[in-house]
Amino acid sequence: MKALTSKTIVFITGAFVSSDCWNDWKTYFEERGYTTLAPAWPHKDAPACTLRERHPDAEVASLRLASLTDYFATIVKQLSEKPILIGHSMGGLITQLLLQKDLATAGIAIHSLQPKGIFTFKFSFYKAGWGALGFFTDTKKTYLMSFREWQYAFTNGMSFEQQKEAYYNLLVPESKLLVRDATTDAAKINFSSAHAPLLFLAGSTDHFIPASLNYSNYKKYSHHQSVTDYKEFAGRNHFVLGQPNWSEIADFVLSWIKKN
């Protein structure tokens, strides 16, 4: 197949974290011959500590899914070749949205936020994400996850020191409206359309995006001539990009890219 001859990778960051979450991944793939980009979201091109100091941040609070998807689409269209997209959480959803626009040679959706119409009844999903929706609060103000919420939603199962380091290095304020947009047409996928190869990765201990939700997302794709794959890893939480042994996930992604 010619689909994955691209040597350019665009990493798409999820909500609540800095684009620095991809630093090790960028190094990993660059050492293997790829050109990589991990663009910061609009209004988030600063260290995590600086962004937290700006909270509540009206500019970040104004971010919406449709404009964020357009932002990444513009970046991708300016490249000399169609890239491979690797997105985490909200970035996984944006990866799916860009793939259906035929803007990439392949997509890897890591613990992806669900598109419109995909649901789960897992209690952990609602416990982890309820605060970020910001119901009955001012949507002109950003949401900043507390350390206790971070421990449950992102870094469950890790040591206290690992959780604390990740929180201070990566946590950023988020738009409440952006999180809500996952239930709107801005997050709509045409599951029956042809698409470039797409890989879903899930983790068995992810509270925020349960593996069952990723599997439901994967199963909705129905175009039989398009490659859609799924893999669940044991013991992986929502902080999978920086969890110990993260390179095992990167190894799997690289192998999948080469195979397709």
C-alpha atoms as a PDB file:
ATOM      1  CA  MET A   1       0.000   0.000   0.000  1.00  0.00           C
ATOM      2  CA  LYS A   2       1.127   3.559  -0.729  1.00  0.00           C
ATOM      3  CA  ALA A   3      -1.039   5.117   1.961  1.00  0.00           C
ATOM      4  CA  LEU A   4       1.644   5.318   4.651  1.00  0.00           C
ATOM      5  CA  THR A   5       4.669   6.410   2.632  1.00  0.00           C
ATOM      6  CA  SER A   6       4.434   9.826   4.312  1.00  0.00           C
ATOM      7  CA  LYS A   7       7.389  10.709   6.527  1.00  0.00           C
ATOM      8  CA  THR A   8       5.618  13.621   8.216  1.00  0.00           C
ATOM      9  CA  ILE A   9       3.740  13.194  11.486  1.00  0.00           C
ATOM     10  CA  VAL A  10       1.477  15.800  13.044  1.00  0.00           C
ATOM     11  CA  PHE A  11       0.721  15.216  16.716  1.00  0.00           C
ATOM     12  CA  ILE A  12      -2.620  16.638  17.877  1.00  0.00           C
ATOM     13  CA  THR A  13      -2.825  17.439  21.574  1.00  0.00           C
ATOM     14  CA  GLY A  14      -5.894  16.745  23.671  1.00  0.00           C
ATOM     15  CA  ALA A  15      -7.707  18.989  26.114  1.00  0.00           C
ATOM     16  CA  PHE A  16      -6.334  19.942  29.551  1.00  0.00           C
ATOM     17  CA  VAL A  17      -2.654  19.440  28.685  1.00  0.00           C
ATOM     18  CA  SER A  18       0.210  21.311  27.034  1.00  0.00           C
ATOM     19  CA  SER A  19       1.531  20.234  23.633  1.00  0.00           C
ATOM     20  CA  ASP A  20       4.772  19.445  25.505  1.00  0.00           C
ATOM     21  CA  CYS A  21       3.141  16.080  26.243  1.00  0.00           C
ATOM     22  CA  TRP A  22       4.476  15.000  22.829  1.00  0.00           C
ATOM     23  CA  ASN A  23       8.146  15.885  23.430  1.00  0.00           C
ATOM     24  CA  ASP A  24       9.328  12.297  23.925  1.00  0.00           C
ATOM     25  CA  TRP A  25       7.162  11.073  21.057  1.00  0.00           C
ATOM     26  CA  LYS A  26       8.626  13.688  18.717  1.00  0.00           C
ATOM     27  CA  THR A  27      12.141  12.563  19.597  1.00  0.00           C
ATOM     28  CA  TYR A  28      11.198   8.895  19.180  1.00  0.00           C
ATOM     29  CA  PHE A  29       9.842   9.342  15.647  1.00  0.00           C
ATOM     30  CA  GLU A  30      12.464  11.872  14.538  1.00  0.00           C
ATOM     31  CA  GLU A  31      15.170   9.373  15.467  1.00  0.00           C
ATOM     32  CA  ARG A  32      13.425   6.958  13.099  1.00  0.00           C
ATOM     33  CA  GLY A  33      13.427   9.294  10.129  1.00  0.00           C
ATOM     34  CA  TYR A  34      10.171  11.194  10.478  1.00  0.00           C
ATOM     35  CA  THR A  35       9.589  14.944  10.431  1.00  0.00           C
ATOM     36  CA  THR A  36       7.261  15.836  13.296  1.00  0.00           C
ATOM     37  CA  LEU A  37       5.111  18.745  14.393  1.00  0.00           C
ATOM     38  CA  ALA A  38       3.160  19.152  17.625  1.00  0.00           C
ATOM     39  CA  PRO A  39       1.416  22.512  17.227  1.00  0.00           C
ATOM     40  CA  ALA A  40       0.172  24.221  20.362  1.00  0.00           C
ATOM     41  CA  TRP A  41      -3.513  25.037  20.412  1.00  0.00           C
ATOM     42  CA  PRO A  42      -4.509  28.672  19.792  1.00  0.00           C
ATOM     43  CA  HIS A  43      -3.799  30.818  22.875  1.00  0.00           C
ATOM     44  CA  LYS A  44      -1.788  27.964  24.416  1.00  0.00           C
ATOM     45  CA  ASP A  45       1.669  28.541  22.963  1.00  0.00           C
ATOM     46  CA  ALA A  46       3.326  29.007  26.361  1.00  0.00           C
ATOM     47  CA  PRO A  47       4.620  26.804  29.185  1.00  0.00           C
ATOM     48  CA  ALA A  48       1.908  25.105  31.254  1.00  0.00           C
ATOM     49  CA  CYS A  49       2.818  27.108  34.362  1.00  0.00           C
ATOM     50  CA  THR A  50       2.351  30.363  32.428  1.00  0.00           C
ATOM     51  CA  LEU A  51      -1.031  29.269  31.106  1.00  0.00           C
ATOM     52  CA  ARG A  52      -2.182  28.352  34.610  1.00  0.00           C
ATOM     53  CA  GLU A  53      -1.181  31.800  35.834  1.00  0.00           C
ATOM     54  CA  ARG A  54      -3.494  33.309  33.205  1.00  0.00           C
ATOM     55  CA  HIS A  55      -6.491  31.353  34.499  1.00  0.00           C
ATOM     56  CA  PRO A  56      -9.288  32.337  34.126  1.00  0.00           C
ATOM     57  CA  ASP A  57      -8.346  33.016  30.518  1.00  0.00           C
ATOM     58  CA  ALA A  58     -11.137  34.420  28.324  1.00  0.00           C
ATOM     59  CA  GLU A  59      -9.269  33.643  25.081  1.00  0.00           C
ATOM     60  CA  VAL A  60      -8.828  29.968  25.939  1.00  0.00           C
ATOM     61  CA  ALA A  61     -12.421  29.860  27.217  1.00  0.00           C
ATOM     62  CA  SER A  62     -13.623  30.967  23.771  1.00  0.00           C
ATOM     63  CA  LEU A  63     -12.145  27.939  21.966  1.00  0.00           C
ATOM     64  CA  ARG A  64     -14.674  25.770  20.109  1.00  0.00           C
ATOM     65  CA  LEU A  65     -14.271  22.404  18.420  1.00  0.00           C
ATOM     66  CA  ALA A  66     -15.168  23.573  14.898  1.00  0.00           C
ATOM     67  CA  SER A  67     -12.598  26.378  14.922  1.00  0.00           C
ATOM     68  CA  LEU A  68      -9.964  24.121  16.506  1.00  0.00           C
ATOM     69  CA  THR A  69     -10.523  21.491  13.811  1.00  0.00           C
ATOM     70  CA  ASP A  70     -10.191  24.202  11.154  1.00  0.00           C
ATOM     71  CA  TYR A  71      -6.986  25.396  12.832  1.00  0.00           C
ATOM     72  CA  PHE A  72      -5.365  21.968  12.494  1.00  0.00           C
ATOM     73  CA  ALA A  73      -6.780  21.524   8.986  1.00  0.00           C
ATOM     74  CA  THR A  74      -5.027  24.746   7.937  1.00  0.00           C
ATOM     75  CA  ILE A  75      -1.725  23.520   9.387  1.00  0.00           C
ATOM     76  CA  VAL A  76      -2.009  20.185   7.592  1.00  0.00           C
ATOM     77  CA  LYS A  77      -2.935  21.755   4.239  1.00  0.00           C
ATOM     78  CA  GLN A  78       0.224  23.872   4.311  1.00  0.00           C
ATOM     79  CA  LEU A  79       2.504  20.826   4.435  1.00  0.00           C
ATOM     80  CA  SER A  80       4.285  19.533   1.335  1.00  0.00           C
ATOM     81  CA  GLU A  81       2.708  16.081   1.757  1.00  0.00           C
ATOM     82  CA  LYS A  82      -0.298  14.603   3.495  1.00  0.00           C
ATOM     83  CA  PRO A  83       0.891  13.643   6.981  1.00  0.00           C
ATOM     84  CA  ILE A  84       0.183  10.854   9.376  1.00  0.00           C
ATOM     85  CA  LEU A  85      -1.938  12.208  12.239  1.00  0.00           C
ATOM     86  CA  ILE A  86      -1.491  11.002  15.809  1.00  0.00           C
ATOM     87  CA  GLY A  87      -3.973  12.467  18.264  1.00  0.00           C
ATOM     88  CA  HIS A  88      -4.704  11.898  21.931  1.00  0.00           C
ATOM     89  CA  SER A  89      -8.132  12.300  23.584  1.00  0.00           C
ATOM     90  CA  MET A  90      -9.719  15.427  22.036  1.00  0.00           C
ATOM     91  CA  GLY A  91      -6.832  15.233  19.572  1.00  0.00           C
ATOM     92  CA  GLY A  92      -8.000  11.727  18.657  1.00  0.00           C
ATOM     93  CA  LEU A  93     -11.429  13.103  17.813  1.00  0.00           C
ATOM     94  CA  ILE A  94      -9.854  15.871  15.707  1.00  0.00           C
ATOM     95  CA  THR A  95      -7.778  13.186  13.970  1.00  0.00           C
ATOM     96  CA  GLN A  96     -10.995  11.416  13.006  1.00  0.00           C
ATOM     97  CA  LEU A  97     -12.561  14.672  11.791  1.00  0.00           C
ATOM     98  CA  LEU A  98      -9.529  15.494   9.619  1.00  0.00           C
ATOM     99  CA  LEU A  99      -9.367  11.972   8.232  1.00  0.00           C
ATOM    100  CA  GLN A 100     -12.918  12.256   6.931  1.00  0.00           C
ATOM    101  CA  LYS A 101     -11.820  15.449   5.147  1.00  0.00           C
ATOM    102  CA  ASP A 102      -9.128  13.360   3.385  1.00  0.00           C
ATOM    103  CA  LEU A 103      -6.328  15.453   4.875  1.00  0.00           C
ATOM    104  CA  ALA A 104      -4.036  12.633   6.014  1.00  0.00           C
ATOM    105  CA  THR A 105      -2.540   9.364   4.822  1.00  0.00           C
ATOM    106  CA  ALA A 106      -3.419   7.695   8.134  1.00  0.00           C
ATOM    107  CA  GLY A 107      -4.654   8.439  11.617  1.00  0.00           C
ATOM    108  CA  ILE A 108      -3.873   7.051  15.041  1.00  0.00           C
ATOM    109  CA  ALA A 109      -6.473   7.936  17.669  1.00  0.00           C
ATOM    110  CA  ILE A 110      -5.046   7.333  21.149  1.00  0.00           C
ATOM    111  CA  HIS A 111      -7.723   7.077  23.854  1.00  0.00           C
ATOM    112  CA  SER A 112      -9.919   9.212  21.610  1.00  0.00           C
ATOM    113  CA  LEU A 113     -12.776  11.382  22.778  1.00  0.00           C
ATOM    114  CA  GLN A 114     -15.975  10.047  21.278  1.00  0.00           C
ATOM    115  CA  PRO A 115     -17.682  11.579  18.220  1.00  0.00           C
ATOM    116  CA  LYS A 116     -21.313  12.662  18.329  1.00  0.00           C
ATOM    117  CA  GLY A 117     -23.652   9.747  18.954  1.00  0.00           C
ATOM    118  CA  ILE A 118     -21.193   7.438  20.745  1.00  0.00           C
ATOM    119  CA  PHE A 119     -22.071   6.866  24.398  1.00  0.00           C
ATOM    120  CA  THR A 120     -20.964   4.939  27.448  1.00  0.00           C
ATOM    121  CA  PHE A 121     -22.638   4.189  30.752  1.00  0.00           C
ATOM    122  CA  LYS A 122     -19.324   3.832  32.591  1.00  0.00           C
ATOM    123  CA  PHE A 123     -19.492   5.842  35.839  1.00  0.00           C
ATOM    124  CA  SER A 124     -15.787   6.749  35.629  1.00  0.00           C
ATOM    125  CA  PHE A 125     -16.372   8.599  32.347  1.00  0.00           C
ATOM    126  CA  TYR A 126     -18.935  10.922  33.933  1.00  0.00           C
ATOM    127  CA  LYS A 127     -16.993  11.344  37.164  1.00  0.00           C
ATOM    128  CA  ALA A 128     -13.797  12.248  35.295  1.00  0.00           C
ATOM    129  CA  GLY A 129     -15.388  14.640  32.822  1.00  0.00           C
ATOM    130  CA  TRP A 130     -18.323  16.256  34.615  1.00  0.00           C
ATOM    131  CA  GLY A 131     -16.386  19.181  36.086  1.00  0.00           C
ATOM    132  CA  ALA A 132     -14.889  20.116  32.729  1.00  0.00           C
ATOM    133  CA  LEU A 133     -18.353  20.609  31.230  1.00  0.00           C
ATOM    134  CA  GLY A 134     -18.839  23.497  33.637  1.00  0.00           C
ATOM    135  CA  PHE A 135     -22.609  23.407  33.840  1.00  0.00           C
ATOM    136  CA  PHE A 136     -24.063  26.266  35.916  1.00  0.00           C
ATOM    137  CA  THR A 137     -20.725  28.135  35.751  1.00  0.00           C
ATOM    138  CA  ASP A 138     -19.475  31.065  33.669  1.00  0.00           C
ATOM    139  CA  THR A 139     -18.425  29.784  30.248  1.00  0.00           C
ATOM    140  CA  LYS A 140     -16.335  32.934  29.706  1.00  0.00           C
ATOM    141  CA  LYS A 141     -13.978  31.560  32.333  1.00  0.00           C
ATOM    142  CA  THR A 142     -11.718  28.572  31.830  1.00  0.00           C
ATOM    143  CA  TYR A 143     -11.895  25.331  33.760  1.00  0.00           C
ATOM    144  CA  LEU A 144      -8.765  24.286  35.661  1.00  0.00           C
ATOM    145  CA  MET A 145      -8.618  20.702  36.859  1.00  0.00           C
ATOM    146  CA  SER A 146      -7.650  20.252  40.502  1.00  0.00           C
ATOM    147  CA  PHE A 147      -4.823  17.900  41.437  1.00  0.00           C
ATOM    148  CA  ARG A 148      -7.305  15.476  42.971  1.00  0.00           C
ATOM    149  CA  GLU A 149      -9.340  15.470  39.756  1.00  0.00           C
ATOM    150  CA  TRP A 150      -6.128  14.988  37.763  1.00  0.00           C
ATOM    151  CA  GLN A 151      -5.210  11.970  39.870  1.00  0.00           C
ATOM    152  CA  TYR A 152      -8.525  10.322  39.042  1.00  0.00           C
ATOM    153  CA  ALA A 153      -9.016  11.388  35.438  1.00  0.00           C
ATOM    154  CA  PHE A 154      -5.464  11.176  34.057  1.00  0.00           C
ATOM    155  CA  THR A 155      -2.876   9.526  36.287  1.00  0.00           C
ATOM    156  CA  ASN A 156      -4.697   6.847  38.294  1.00  0.00           C
ATOM    157  CA  GLY A 157      -2.393   3.996  39.244  1.00  0.00           C
ATOM    158  CA  MET A 158       0.799   6.074  39.079  1.00  0.00           C
ATOM    159  CA  SER A 159       2.934   7.074  42.059  1.00  0.00           C
ATOM    160  CA  PHE A 160       2.198  10.354  43.840  1.00  0.00           C
ATOM    161  CA  GLU A 161       5.494  11.858  42.647  1.00  0.00           C
ATOM    162  CA  GLN A 162       4.764  10.898  39.037  1.00  0.00           C
ATOM    163  CA  GLN A 163       1.268  12.359  39.297  1.00  0.00           C
ATOM    164  CA  LYS A 164       2.551  15.607  40.803  1.00  0.00           C
ATOM    165  CA  GLU A 165       5.322  16.051  38.226  1.00  0.00           C
ATOM    166  CA  ALA A 166       2.918  15.484  35.340  1.00  0.00           C
ATOM    167  CA  TYR A 167       0.372  17.897  36.818  1.00  0.00           C
ATOM    168  CA  TYR A 168       2.801  20.782  37.202  1.00  0.00           C
ATOM    169  CA  ASN A 169       4.552  20.193  33.883  1.00  0.00           C
ATOM    170  CA  LEU A 170       1.522  19.714  31.651  1.00  0.00           C
ATOM    171  CA  LEU A 171      -1.847  20.720  33.111  1.00  0.00           C
ATOM    172  CA  VAL A 172      -3.451  23.792  31.444  1.00  0.00           C
ATOM    173  CA  PRO A 173      -6.810  25.583  31.716  1.00  0.00           C
ATOM    174  CA  GLU A 174      -9.530  24.503  29.304  1.00  0.00           C
ATOM    175  CA  SER A 175     -12.600  25.777  27.487  1.00  0.00           C
ATOM    176  CA  LYS A 176     -15.859  24.408  28.879  1.00  0.00           C
ATOM    177  CA  LEU A 177     -17.661  25.046  25.597  1.00  0.00           C
ATOM    178  CA  LEU A 178     -15.053  23.062  23.687  1.00  0.00           C
ATOM    179  CA  VAL A 179     -15.648  20.011  25.861  1.00  0.00           C
ATOM    180  CA  ARG A 180     -19.415  20.325  25.378  1.00  0.00           C
ATOM    181  CA  ASP A 181     -18.974  20.512  21.605  1.00  0.00           C
ATOM    182  CA  ALA A 182     -18.235  16.770  21.492  1.00  0.00           C
ATOM    183  CA  THR A 183     -22.011  16.223  21.659  1.00  0.00           C
ATOM    184  CA  THR A 184     -22.771  18.540  18.712  1.00  0.00           C
ATOM    185  CA  ASP A 185     -22.537  18.368  14.924  1.00  0.00           C
ATOM    186  CA  ALA A 186     -18.999  19.759  15.211  1.00  0.00           C
ATOM    187  CA  ALA A 187     -18.060  16.226  16.325  1.00  0.00           C
ATOM    188  CA  LYS A 188     -20.059  14.370  13.694  1.00  0.00           C
ATOM    189  CA  ILE A 189     -18.408  11.518  11.786  1.00  0.00           C
ATOM    190  CA  ASN A 190     -19.757   9.829   8.667  1.00  0.00           C
ATOM    191  CA  PHE A 191     -18.855   6.297   9.674  1.00  0.00           C
ATOM    192  CA  SER A 192     -19.857   4.729   6.332  1.00  0.00           C
ATOM    193  CA  SER A 193     -17.492   6.813   4.178  1.00  0.00           C
ATOM    194  CA  ALA A 194     -14.152   5.625   2.823  1.00  0.00           C
ATOM    195  CA  HIS A 195     -11.175   6.810   4.858  1.00  0.00           C
ATOM    196  CA  ALA A 196      -7.416   6.441   5.165  1.00  0.00           C
ATOM    197  CA  PRO A 197      -6.134   3.738   7.560  1.00  0.00           C
ATOM    198  CA  LEU A 198      -7.219   4.451  11.118  1.00  0.00           C
ATOM    199  CA  LEU A 199      -5.942   2.864  14.326  1.00  0.00           C
ATOM    200  CA  PHE A 200      -7.692   3.150  17.685  1.00  0.00           C
ATOM    201  CA  LEU A 201      -5.653   2.611  20.860  1.00  0.00           C
ATOM    202  CA  ALA A 202      -7.308   2.161  24.248  1.00  0.00           C
ATOM    203  CA  GLY A 203      -6.202   1.513  27.829  1.00  0.00           C
ATOM    204  CA  SER A 204      -7.764  -0.882  30.301  1.00  0.00           C
ATOM    205  CA  THR A 205      -7.455   1.508  33.271  1.00  0.00           C
ATOM    206  CA  ASP A 206      -8.403   4.786  31.563  1.00  0.00           C
ATOM    207  CA  HIS A 207     -11.084   6.460  33.712  1.00  0.00           C
ATOM    208  CA  PHE A 208     -11.592   9.419  31.382  1.00  0.00           C
ATOM    209  CA  ILE A 209     -12.057   7.535  28.090  1.00  0.00           C
ATOM    210  CA  PRO A 210     -12.855   3.916  28.956  1.00  0.00           C
ATOM    211  CA  ALA A 211     -11.645   1.247  26.570  1.00  0.00           C
ATOM    212  CA  SER A 212     -15.249   0.221  25.929  1.00  0.00           C
ATOM    213  CA  LEU A 213     -15.967   3.732  24.591  1.00  0.00           C
ATOM    214  CA  ASN A 214     -13.015   3.509  22.196  1.00  0.00           C
ATOM    215  CA  TYR A 215     -14.200   0.084  21.071  1.00  0.00           C
ATOM    216  CA  SER A 216     -17.710   1.417  20.376  1.00  0.00           C
ATOM    217  CA  ASN A 217     -16.128   4.216  18.337  1.00  0.00           C
ATOM    218  CA  TYR A 218     -14.038   1.736  16.361  1.00  0.00           C
ATOM    219  CA  LYS A 219     -17.006  -0.578  15.680  1.00  0.00           C
ATOM    220  CA  LYS A 220     -19.096   2.246  14.203  1.00  0.00           C
ATOM    221  CA  TYR A 221     -16.798   2.503  11.175  1.00  0.00           C
ATOM    222  CA  SER A 222     -18.421   0.395   8.483  1.00  0.00           C
ATOM    223  CA  HIS A 223     -16.627   1.015   5.168  1.00  0.00           C
ATOM    224  CA  HIS A 224     -15.332  -2.468   4.425  1.00  0.00           C
ATOM    225  CA  GLN A 225     -12.605  -1.401   2.011  1.00  0.00           C
ATOM    226  CA  SER A 226     -11.047   0.994   4.533  1.00  0.00           C
ATOM    227  CA  VAL A 227      -8.569  -0.165   7.165  1.00  0.00           C
ATOM    228  CA  THR A 228      -9.809   0.362  10.728  1.00  0.00           C
ATOM    229  CA  ASP A 229      -7.911  -1.337  13.567  1.00  0.00           C
ATOM    230  CA  TYR A 230      -8.208  -1.473  17.336  1.00  0.00           C
ATOM    231  CA  LYS A 231      -5.796  -2.371  20.132  1.00  0.00           C
ATOM    232  CA  GLU A 232      -6.278  -2.258  23.900  1.00  0.00           C
ATOM    233  CA  PHE A 233      -3.273  -2.136  26.230  1.00  0.00           C
ATOM    234  CA  ALA A 234      -3.477  -3.410  29.785  1.00  0.00           C
ATOM    235  CA  GLY A 235      -2.682  -1.024  32.626  1.00  0.00           C
ATOM    236  CA  ARG A 236      -2.761   2.183  30.558  1.00  0.00           C
ATOM    237  CA  ASN A 237      -4.506   5.233  31.996  1.00  0.00           C
ATOM    238  CA  HIS A 238      -5.420   8.505  30.265  1.00  0.00           C
ATOM    239  CA  PHE A 239      -1.855   9.781  30.743  1.00  0.00           C
ATOM    240  CA  VAL A 240      -0.722   7.059  28.359  1.00  0.00           C
ATOM    241  CA  LEU A 241       1.610   9.402  26.431  1.00  0.00           C
ATOM    242  CA  GLY A 242       3.824   9.938  29.464  1.00  0.00           C
ATOM    243  CA  GLN A 243       3.125   6.828  31.493  1.00  0.00           C
ATOM    244  CA  PRO A 244       6.124   4.605  32.251  1.00  0.00           C
ATOM    245  CA  ASN A 245       6.830   2.360  29.259  1.00  0.00           C
ATOM    246  CA  TRP A 246       5.108   4.813  26.896  1.00  0.00           C
ATOM    247  CA  SER A 247       7.607   3.718  24.229  1.00  0.00           C
ATOM    248  CA  GLU A 248       5.842   0.345  24.001  1.00  0.00           C
ATOM    249  CA  ILE A 249       2.824   2.213  22.646  1.00  0.00           C
ATOM    250  CA  ALA A 250       5.042   4.168  20.252  1.00  0.00           C
ATOM    251  CA  ASP A 251       6.635   0.902  19.099  1.00  0.00           C
ATOM    252  CA  PHE A 252       3.204  -0.507  18.297  1.00  0.00           C
ATOM    253  CA  VAL A 253       2.208   2.638  16.401  1.00  0.00           C
ATOM    254  CA  LEU A 254       5.427   2.548  14.354  1.00  0.00           C
ATOM    255  CA  SER A 255       4.912  -1.130  13.550  1.00  0.00           C
ATOM    256  CA  TRP A 256       1.336  -0.433  12.440  1.00  0.00           C
ATOM    257  CA  ILE A 257       2.469   2.436  10.228  1.00  0.00           C
ATOM    258  CA  LYS A 258       5.074   0.250   8.543  1.00  0.00           C
ATOM    259  CA  LYS A 259       2.630  -2.623   8.118  1.00  0.00           C
ATOM    260  CA  ASN A 260       0.069  -0.496   6.325  1.00  0.00           C
END
